[in-house]
Amino acid sequence: MEDNSKTKLSVVFVCTGNTCRSPMAEFLFKDYLREKKRSGDFAVSSAGLEAGKGDVMMPQADEALNILGVKHSADRKARVFTVKMSLESDLIIGMTDEHAARTGSDNAVSYTELIGRPIADPYGMSTDVYLNCAAQMRTAFDKILEIADEMLAAKRAES
């Protein structure tokens, strides 16, 4: 029998521009997984449906993550969500129902489905608004991990 414990689940957070919400969610979820000692089970990333290639994270998102003590890269470049990502991602988390729907994936869920409301776009707002977004995002992480664990178990059973 093959050792499938190295099999990882690909989780992608998606928003519009990949400079505010989705990169924050990516880094927050990676931090959450580190705390749970589960980083090795997942490949976590983010992308934007209308991202400007090469755009960097908004300063307020960077500041919010710094305040929260979350390890991240402020100069990370925005990534455009592609059809290839849609096909290769195991679990896609959209900030809104529209984001989830526009990925074209059956494996996409929205924050509305997870916590009963979307994550509003903080673009151009204060760091406090970004901190509020981060707090909202975190409320879904236990549920996301539960869904991801079911998917990971099924993926490992297949391999």
N, C-alpha and C. Protein backbone atom coordinates (compact mmCIF):
# COMPACT_ATOMS: atom_id res chain seq x y z
N MET A 1 0.84 -1.19 0.00
CA MET A 1 0.00 0.00 0.00
C MET A 1 0.89 1.25 0.00
N GLU A 2 0.51 2.21 -0.80
CA GLU A 2 1.27 3.45 -0.95
C GLU A 2 1.02 4.38 0.24
N ASP A 3 2.08 5.08 0.70
CA ASP A 3 1.93 6.04 1.79
C ASP A 3 1.33 7.32 1.22
N ASN A 4 0.08 7.59 1.58
CA ASN A 4 -0.59 8.77 1.05
C ASN A 4 -0.66 9.89 2.08
N SER A 5 0.08 9.77 3.18
CA SER A 5 0.06 10.81 4.20
C SER A 5 0.65 12.12 3.70
N LYS A 6 1.39 12.07 2.59
CA LYS A 6 1.99 13.28 2.02
C LYS A 6 1.02 14.01 1.09
N THR A 7 -0.10 13.38 0.78
CA THR A 7 -1.10 14.01 -0.06
C THR A 7 -1.63 15.26 0.62
N LYS A 8 -1.61 16.38 -0.12
CA LYS A 8 -2.08 17.65 0.42
C LYS A 8 -3.38 18.06 -0.26
N LEU A 9 -4.15 18.87 0.44
CA LEU A 9 -5.37 19.43 -0.12
C LEU A 9 -5.09 20.89 -0.49
N SER A 10 -5.45 21.26 -1.70
CA SER A 10 -5.24 22.62 -2.19
C SER A 10 -6.45 23.49 -1.83
N VAL A 11 -6.20 24.55 -1.05
CA VAL A 11 -7.24 25.49 -0.64
C VAL A 11 -6.89 26.87 -1.21
N VAL A 12 -7.84 27.47 -1.93
CA VAL A 12 -7.61 28.78 -2.53
C VAL A 12 -8.71 29.75 -2.07
N PHE A 13 -8.29 30.88 -1.53
CA PHE A 13 -9.21 31.95 -1.17
C PHE A 13 -9.31 32.91 -2.34
N VAL A 14 -10.54 33.32 -2.68
CA VAL A 14 -10.77 34.14 -3.87
C VAL A 14 -11.58 35.38 -3.53
N CYS A 15 -11.11 36.52 -4.07
CA CYS A 15 -11.88 37.77 -4.00
C CYS A 15 -11.78 38.46 -5.36
N THR A 16 -11.94 39.75 -5.39
CA THR A 16 -11.91 40.47 -6.66
C THR A 16 -10.48 40.78 -7.11
N GLY A 17 -9.73 41.54 -6.32
CA GLY A 17 -8.43 42.02 -6.77
C GLY A 17 -7.21 41.33 -6.19
N ASN A 18 -7.40 40.46 -5.20
CA ASN A 18 -6.30 39.73 -4.54
C ASN A 18 -5.28 40.68 -3.91
N THR A 19 -5.80 41.80 -3.37
CA THR A 19 -4.92 42.73 -2.65
C THR A 19 -5.42 43.03 -1.24
N CYS A 20 -6.63 42.60 -0.92
CA CYS A 20 -7.21 42.89 0.40
C CYS A 20 -7.65 41.59 1.09
N ARG A 21 -8.86 41.15 0.76
CA ARG A 21 -9.48 40.04 1.48
C ARG A 21 -8.81 38.70 1.28
N SER A 22 -8.64 38.26 0.04
CA SER A 22 -8.13 36.90 -0.16
C SER A 22 -6.69 36.71 0.32
N PRO A 23 -5.77 37.68 0.12
CA PRO A 23 -4.44 37.45 0.69
C PRO A 23 -4.45 37.46 2.22
N MET A 24 -5.31 38.30 2.80
CA MET A 24 -5.41 38.28 4.26
C MET A 24 -5.92 36.92 4.72
N ALA A 25 -6.95 36.41 4.06
CA ALA A 25 -7.50 35.09 4.43
C ALA A 25 -6.44 34.01 4.26
N GLU A 26 -5.66 34.08 3.18
CA GLU A 26 -4.59 33.11 2.94
C GLU A 26 -3.61 33.09 4.12
N PHE A 27 -3.10 34.25 4.48
CA PHE A 27 -2.11 34.31 5.55
C PHE A 27 -2.72 33.99 6.92
N LEU A 28 -3.95 34.42 7.15
CA LEU A 28 -4.62 34.10 8.42
C LEU A 28 -4.86 32.60 8.54
N PHE A 29 -5.28 31.96 7.44
CA PHE A 29 -5.55 30.52 7.49
C PHE A 29 -4.26 29.73 7.64
N LYS A 30 -3.19 30.17 6.99
CA LYS A 30 -1.89 29.52 7.18
C LYS A 30 -1.46 29.61 8.65
N ASP A 31 -1.68 30.77 9.26
CA ASP A 31 -1.35 30.96 10.67
C ASP A 31 -2.20 30.03 11.54
N TYR A 32 -3.47 29.93 11.23
CA TYR A 32 -4.40 29.04 11.94
C TYR A 32 -3.92 27.59 11.84
N LEU A 33 -3.53 27.18 10.64
CA LEU A 33 -3.05 25.81 10.44
C LEU A 33 -1.75 25.55 11.20
N ARG A 34 -0.86 26.54 11.25
CA ARG A 34 0.37 26.40 12.04
C ARG A 34 0.05 26.17 13.51
N GLU A 35 -0.89 26.95 14.03
CA GLU A 35 -1.30 26.80 15.43
C GLU A 35 -1.88 25.41 15.69
N LYS A 36 -2.58 24.86 14.72
CA LYS A 36 -3.20 23.53 14.84
C LYS A 36 -2.21 22.42 14.49
N LYS A 37 -0.99 22.81 14.09
CA LYS A 37 0.03 21.86 13.64
C LYS A 37 -0.48 21.01 12.47
N ARG A 38 -1.11 21.70 11.51
CA ARG A 38 -1.71 21.04 10.35
C ARG A 38 -1.19 21.59 9.02
N SER A 39 -0.18 22.45 9.06
CA SER A 39 0.33 23.08 7.84
C SER A 39 0.71 22.07 6.76
N GLY A 40 1.25 20.94 7.17
CA GLY A 40 1.71 19.94 6.21
C GLY A 40 0.62 19.26 5.42
N ASP A 41 -0.62 19.42 5.84
CA ASP A 41 -1.74 18.77 5.15
C ASP A 41 -2.35 19.61 4.04
N PHE A 42 -1.98 20.88 3.98
CA PHE A 42 -2.65 21.79 3.05
C PHE A 42 -1.69 22.68 2.28
N ALA A 43 -2.06 22.99 1.04
CA ALA A 43 -1.38 23.99 0.22
C ALA A 43 -2.37 25.15 0.11
N VAL A 44 -2.09 26.26 0.76
CA VAL A 44 -3.03 27.39 0.84
C VAL A 44 -2.51 28.55 -0.01
N SER A 45 -3.39 29.11 -0.82
CA SER A 45 -3.03 30.25 -1.65
C SER A 45 -4.24 31.16 -1.81
N SER A 46 -4.09 32.19 -2.64
CA SER A 46 -5.20 33.09 -2.92
C SER A 46 -5.05 33.65 -4.32
N ALA A 47 -6.17 34.15 -4.85
CA ALA A 47 -6.17 34.74 -6.19
C ALA A 47 -7.36 35.68 -6.31
N GLY A 48 -7.34 36.50 -7.34
CA GLY A 48 -8.43 37.45 -7.58
C GLY A 48 -9.05 37.25 -8.95
N LEU A 49 -10.35 37.35 -9.01
CA LEU A 49 -11.06 37.16 -10.27
C LEU A 49 -10.75 38.29 -11.26
N GLU A 50 -10.42 39.46 -10.74
CA GLU A 50 -10.10 40.60 -11.59
C GLU A 50 -8.78 41.24 -11.14
N ALA A 51 -7.87 40.43 -10.69
CA ALA A 51 -6.60 40.92 -10.15
C ALA A 51 -5.77 41.59 -11.23
N GLY A 52 -5.07 42.63 -10.82
CA GLY A 52 -4.10 43.28 -11.69
C GLY A 52 -2.77 42.58 -11.47
N LYS A 53 -2.27 41.93 -12.49
CA LYS A 53 -1.05 41.17 -12.35
C LYS A 53 0.06 42.05 -11.78
N GLY A 54 0.66 41.58 -10.69
CA GLY A 54 1.75 42.32 -10.08
C GLY A 54 1.34 43.33 -9.02
N ASP A 55 0.03 43.55 -8.84
CA ASP A 55 -0.41 44.45 -7.77
C ASP A 55 0.04 43.87 -6.43
N VAL A 56 0.33 44.75 -5.48
CA VAL A 56 0.74 44.30 -4.15
C VAL A 56 -0.42 44.48 -3.16
N MET A 57 -0.27 43.84 -2.02
CA MET A 57 -1.29 43.91 -0.98
C MET A 57 -1.47 45.36 -0.52
N MET A 58 -2.70 45.72 -0.21
CA MET A 58 -3.00 47.05 0.28
C MET A 58 -2.27 47.30 1.61
N PRO A 59 -1.77 48.51 1.83
CA PRO A 59 -1.04 48.81 3.07
C PRO A 59 -1.86 48.52 4.33
N GLN A 60 -3.18 48.76 4.27
CA GLN A 60 -4.03 48.50 5.43
C GLN A 60 -4.11 46.99 5.74
N ALA A 61 -4.09 46.15 4.69
CA ALA A 61 -4.09 44.70 4.90
C ALA A 61 -2.78 44.28 5.55
N ASP A 62 -1.70 44.83 5.06
CA ASP A 62 -0.37 44.55 5.63
C ASP A 62 -0.34 44.99 7.10
N GLU A 63 -0.83 46.19 7.37
CA GLU A 63 -0.81 46.70 8.74
C GLU A 63 -1.68 45.85 9.67
N ALA A 64 -2.85 45.44 9.18
CA ALA A 64 -3.74 44.60 10.00
C ALA A 64 -3.06 43.28 10.35
N LEU A 65 -2.42 42.66 9.36
CA LEU A 65 -1.73 41.39 9.61
C LEU A 65 -0.57 41.59 10.59
N ASN A 66 0.14 42.72 10.47
CA ASN A 66 1.21 43.03 11.41
C ASN A 66 0.67 43.19 12.83
N ILE A 67 -0.44 43.91 12.98
CA ILE A 67 -1.06 44.10 14.29
C ILE A 67 -1.45 42.76 14.90
N LEU A 68 -1.94 41.85 14.05
CA LEU A 68 -2.37 40.52 14.52
C LEU A 68 -1.20 39.56 14.72
N GLY A 69 0.00 39.99 14.33
CA GLY A 69 1.17 39.13 14.49
C GLY A 69 1.19 37.94 13.54
N VAL A 70 0.59 38.11 12.37
CA VAL A 70 0.50 37.03 11.38
C VAL A 70 1.65 37.14 10.38
N LYS A 71 2.40 36.06 10.26
CA LYS A 71 3.52 36.01 9.31
C LYS A 71 2.96 36.11 7.89
N HIS A 72 3.55 37.02 7.11
CA HIS A 72 3.09 37.21 5.74
C HIS A 72 4.16 37.94 4.94
N SER A 73 3.90 38.06 3.66
CA SER A 73 4.80 38.77 2.77
C SER A 73 4.04 39.96 2.18
N ALA A 74 4.38 41.16 2.64
CA ALA A 74 3.67 42.36 2.20
C ALA A 74 3.87 42.66 0.72
N ASP A 75 4.98 42.18 0.16
CA ASP A 75 5.25 42.48 -1.25
C ASP A 75 4.81 41.35 -2.18
N ARG A 76 4.00 40.44 -1.69
CA ARG A 76 3.49 39.36 -2.55
C ARG A 76 2.70 39.98 -3.70
N LYS A 77 2.76 39.34 -4.83
CA LYS A 77 2.09 39.86 -6.02
C LYS A 77 0.72 39.21 -6.20
N ALA A 78 -0.23 40.02 -6.62
CA ALA A 78 -1.58 39.53 -6.87
C ALA A 78 -1.55 38.48 -7.98
N ARG A 79 -2.38 37.47 -7.82
CA ARG A 79 -2.50 36.42 -8.84
C ARG A 79 -3.91 36.43 -9.40
N VAL A 80 -3.99 36.25 -10.70
CA VAL A 80 -5.28 36.17 -11.38
C VAL A 80 -5.81 34.74 -11.26
N PHE A 81 -7.06 34.60 -10.84
CA PHE A 81 -7.68 33.28 -10.77
C PHE A 81 -7.92 32.78 -12.20
N THR A 82 -7.46 31.57 -12.48
CA THR A 82 -7.53 31.01 -13.83
C THR A 82 -8.39 29.76 -13.88
N VAL A 83 -8.74 29.35 -15.07
CA VAL A 83 -9.47 28.10 -15.28
C VAL A 83 -8.65 26.93 -14.73
N LYS A 84 -7.34 26.99 -14.95
CA LYS A 84 -6.46 25.93 -14.44
C LYS A 84 -6.57 25.83 -12.92
N MET A 85 -6.57 26.98 -12.23
CA MET A 85 -6.73 26.96 -10.77
C MET A 85 -8.07 26.35 -10.38
N SER A 86 -9.11 26.68 -11.13
CA SER A 86 -10.44 26.15 -10.84
C SER A 86 -10.44 24.63 -10.94
N LEU A 87 -9.75 24.11 -11.94
CA LEU A 87 -9.70 22.66 -12.16
C LEU A 87 -8.79 21.94 -11.16
N GLU A 88 -7.73 22.61 -10.72
CA GLU A 88 -6.73 21.95 -9.88
C GLU A 88 -6.92 22.16 -8.38
N SER A 89 -7.79 23.08 -7.99
CA SER A 89 -7.99 23.37 -6.57
C SER A 89 -9.01 22.41 -5.97
N ASP A 90 -8.69 21.91 -4.79
CA ASP A 90 -9.62 20.99 -4.12
C ASP A 90 -10.76 21.73 -3.45
N LEU A 91 -10.45 22.89 -2.85
CA LEU A 91 -11.45 23.68 -2.13
C LEU A 91 -11.20 25.15 -2.40
N ILE A 92 -12.24 25.84 -2.86
CA ILE A 92 -12.15 27.27 -3.16
C ILE A 92 -13.11 28.00 -2.24
N ILE A 93 -12.60 29.02 -1.57
CA ILE A 93 -13.41 29.80 -0.64
C ILE A 93 -13.59 31.21 -1.21
N GLY A 94 -14.81 31.54 -1.60
CA GLY A 94 -15.11 32.88 -2.13
C GLY A 94 -15.54 33.81 -1.02
N MET A 95 -15.12 35.05 -1.10
CA MET A 95 -15.50 36.03 -0.08
C MET A 95 -17.00 36.34 -0.14
N THR A 96 -17.59 36.18 -1.34
CA THR A 96 -19.02 36.40 -1.53
C THR A 96 -19.59 35.24 -2.35
N ASP A 97 -20.91 35.16 -2.43
CA ASP A 97 -21.54 34.15 -3.27
C ASP A 97 -21.11 34.32 -4.73
N GLU A 98 -21.02 35.58 -5.18
CA GLU A 98 -20.62 35.84 -6.57
C GLU A 98 -19.20 35.34 -6.84
N HIS A 99 -18.29 35.60 -5.91
CA HIS A 99 -16.92 35.11 -6.09
C HIS A 99 -16.91 33.59 -6.24
N ALA A 100 -17.62 32.90 -5.36
CA ALA A 100 -17.65 31.44 -5.41
C ALA A 100 -18.24 30.96 -6.74
N ALA A 101 -19.33 31.58 -7.17
CA ALA A 101 -19.99 31.18 -8.41
C ALA A 101 -19.10 31.42 -9.63
N ARG A 102 -18.40 32.55 -9.64
CA ARG A 102 -17.58 32.90 -10.80
C ARG A 102 -16.34 32.02 -10.97
N THR A 103 -15.99 31.23 -9.96
CA THR A 103 -14.84 30.32 -10.12
C THR A 103 -15.18 29.18 -11.06
N GLY A 104 -16.47 28.90 -11.22
CA GLY A 104 -16.88 27.80 -12.09
C GLY A 104 -16.61 26.43 -11.51
N SER A 105 -16.34 26.36 -10.23
CA SER A 105 -15.98 25.09 -9.60
C SER A 105 -17.10 24.56 -8.72
N ASP A 106 -17.28 23.25 -8.75
CA ASP A 106 -18.24 22.60 -7.84
C ASP A 106 -17.68 22.55 -6.42
N ASN A 107 -16.39 22.79 -6.28
CA ASN A 107 -15.73 22.74 -4.97
C ASN A 107 -15.59 24.11 -4.33
N ALA A 108 -16.39 25.06 -4.79
CA ALA A 108 -16.33 26.42 -4.25
C ALA A 108 -17.46 26.63 -3.25
N VAL A 109 -17.11 27.27 -2.13
CA VAL A 109 -18.10 27.69 -1.14
C VAL A 109 -17.83 29.15 -0.83
N SER A 110 -18.85 29.83 -0.36
CA SER A 110 -18.69 31.25 -0.04
C SER A 110 -18.75 31.44 1.47
N TYR A 111 -18.24 32.57 1.89
CA TYR A 111 -18.35 32.92 3.30
C TYR A 111 -19.80 33.03 3.72
N THR A 112 -20.69 33.40 2.80
CA THR A 112 -22.12 33.47 3.13
C THR A 112 -22.61 32.09 3.54
N GLU A 113 -22.17 31.05 2.82
CA GLU A 113 -22.55 29.68 3.17
C GLU A 113 -21.92 29.24 4.49
N LEU A 114 -20.72 29.73 4.77
CA LEU A 114 -19.98 29.31 5.95
C LEU A 114 -20.41 30.02 7.23
N ILE A 115 -20.61 31.34 7.16
CA ILE A 115 -20.90 32.11 8.38
C ILE A 115 -22.18 32.95 8.27
N GLY A 116 -22.91 32.80 7.17
CA GLY A 116 -24.17 33.52 7.04
C GLY A 116 -24.08 34.91 6.48
N ARG A 117 -22.87 35.34 6.12
CA ARG A 117 -22.72 36.68 5.51
C ARG A 117 -21.43 36.71 4.70
N PRO A 118 -21.40 37.56 3.67
CA PRO A 118 -20.17 37.70 2.90
C PRO A 118 -19.14 38.53 3.66
N ILE A 119 -17.91 38.51 3.19
CA ILE A 119 -16.87 39.39 3.72
C ILE A 119 -16.86 40.63 2.82
N ALA A 120 -17.30 41.75 3.37
CA ALA A 120 -17.41 42.99 2.60
C ALA A 120 -16.01 43.49 2.19
N ASP A 121 -15.96 44.13 1.04
CA ASP A 121 -14.71 44.65 0.50
C ASP A 121 -14.25 45.86 1.32
N PRO A 122 -13.05 45.77 1.95
CA PRO A 122 -12.57 46.88 2.74
C PRO A 122 -11.74 47.89 1.95
N TYR A 123 -11.64 47.70 0.64
CA TYR A 123 -10.76 48.53 -0.20
C TYR A 123 -10.96 50.02 0.10
N GLY A 124 -9.86 50.71 0.37
CA GLY A 124 -9.89 52.15 0.59
C GLY A 124 -10.32 52.56 1.99
N MET A 125 -10.58 51.60 2.86
CA MET A 125 -11.03 51.92 4.20
C MET A 125 -9.88 51.84 5.20
N SER A 126 -10.19 52.08 6.45
CA SER A 126 -9.17 52.14 7.50
C SER A 126 -8.67 50.75 7.90
N THR A 127 -7.55 50.74 8.59
CA THR A 127 -6.99 49.50 9.10
C THR A 127 -7.98 48.81 10.03
N ASP A 128 -8.75 49.57 10.79
CA ASP A 128 -9.75 48.97 11.68
C ASP A 128 -10.77 48.15 10.90
N VAL A 129 -11.15 48.60 9.72
CA VAL A 129 -12.09 47.85 8.89
C VAL A 129 -11.44 46.54 8.44
N TYR A 130 -10.16 46.59 8.10
CA TYR A 130 -9.43 45.38 7.72
C TYR A 130 -9.33 44.41 8.90
N LEU A 131 -9.12 44.94 10.09
CA LEU A 131 -9.07 44.10 11.28
C LEU A 131 -10.43 43.43 11.52
N ASN A 132 -11.51 44.16 11.26
CA ASN A 132 -12.85 43.58 11.38
C ASN A 132 -13.05 42.47 10.36
N CYS A 133 -12.57 42.68 9.13
CA CYS A 133 -12.65 41.63 8.10
C CYS A 133 -11.89 40.38 8.56
N ALA A 134 -10.71 40.59 9.12
CA ALA A 134 -9.90 39.46 9.60
C ALA A 134 -10.65 38.69 10.68
N ALA A 135 -11.29 39.39 11.58
CA ALA A 135 -12.04 38.73 12.65
C ALA A 135 -13.19 37.92 12.06
N GLN A 136 -13.89 38.47 11.07
CA GLN A 136 -14.98 37.74 10.42
C GLN A 136 -14.45 36.50 9.71
N MET A 137 -13.34 36.65 8.99
CA MET A 137 -12.76 35.51 8.27
C MET A 137 -12.43 34.38 9.23
N ARG A 138 -11.83 34.72 10.35
CA ARG A 138 -11.40 33.71 11.31
C ARG A 138 -12.57 32.90 11.88
N THR A 139 -13.76 33.50 11.93
CA THR A 139 -14.90 32.77 12.50
C THR A 139 -15.27 31.55 11.67
N ALA A 140 -14.82 31.49 10.42
CA ALA A 140 -15.15 30.36 9.55
C ALA A 140 -14.07 29.29 9.52
N PHE A 141 -12.92 29.54 10.12
CA PHE A 141 -11.78 28.62 9.95
C PHE A 141 -12.03 27.22 10.49
N ASP A 142 -12.73 27.08 11.61
CA ASP A 142 -13.02 25.73 12.11
C ASP A 142 -13.89 24.97 11.10
N LYS A 143 -14.88 25.66 10.54
CA LYS A 143 -15.78 25.04 9.56
C LYS A 143 -15.01 24.70 8.27
N ILE A 144 -14.14 25.61 7.84
CA ILE A 144 -13.33 25.35 6.64
C ILE A 144 -12.45 24.13 6.87
N LEU A 145 -11.84 24.05 8.04
CA LEU A 145 -10.98 22.89 8.34
C LEU A 145 -11.79 21.60 8.37
N GLU A 146 -12.99 21.66 8.89
CA GLU A 146 -13.86 20.48 8.92
C GLU A 146 -14.17 20.00 7.49
N ILE A 147 -14.53 20.93 6.63
CA ILE A 147 -14.82 20.59 5.22
C ILE A 147 -13.56 20.06 4.55
N ALA A 148 -12.44 20.75 4.76
CA ALA A 148 -11.17 20.36 4.15
C ALA A 148 -10.73 18.98 4.63
N ASP A 149 -10.92 18.69 5.91
CA ASP A 149 -10.53 17.37 6.43
C ASP A 149 -11.32 16.25 5.78
N GLU A 150 -12.61 16.47 5.56
CA GLU A 150 -13.43 15.46 4.86
C GLU A 150 -12.92 15.24 3.45
N MET A 151 -12.60 16.34 2.76
CA MET A 151 -12.09 16.25 1.40
C MET A 151 -10.71 15.58 1.37
N LEU A 152 -9.87 15.91 2.34
CA LEU A 152 -8.52 15.33 2.41
C LEU A 152 -8.59 13.84 2.67
N ALA A 153 -9.48 13.41 3.55
CA ALA A 153 -9.64 11.98 3.83
C ALA A 153 -10.08 11.23 2.56
N ALA A 154 -10.99 11.82 1.83
CA ALA A 154 -11.46 11.20 0.58
C ALA A 154 -10.34 11.17 -0.46
N LYS A 155 -9.57 12.23 -0.55
CA LYS A 155 -8.46 12.30 -1.51
C LYS A 155 -7.41 11.26 -1.17
N ARG A 156 -7.11 11.11 0.11
CA ARG A 156 -6.11 10.12 0.53
C ARG A 156 -6.61 8.70 0.32
N ALA A 157 -7.92 8.49 0.50
CA ALA A 157 -8.48 7.16 0.28
C ALA A 157 -8.41 6.75 -1.18
N GLU A 158 -8.47 7.74 -2.08
CA GLU A 158 -8.40 7.48 -3.52
C GLU A 158 -6.99 7.13 -3.97
N SER A 159 -5.97 7.68 -3.26
CA SER A 159 -4.59 7.50 -3.73
C SER A 159 -3.96 6.23 -3.22
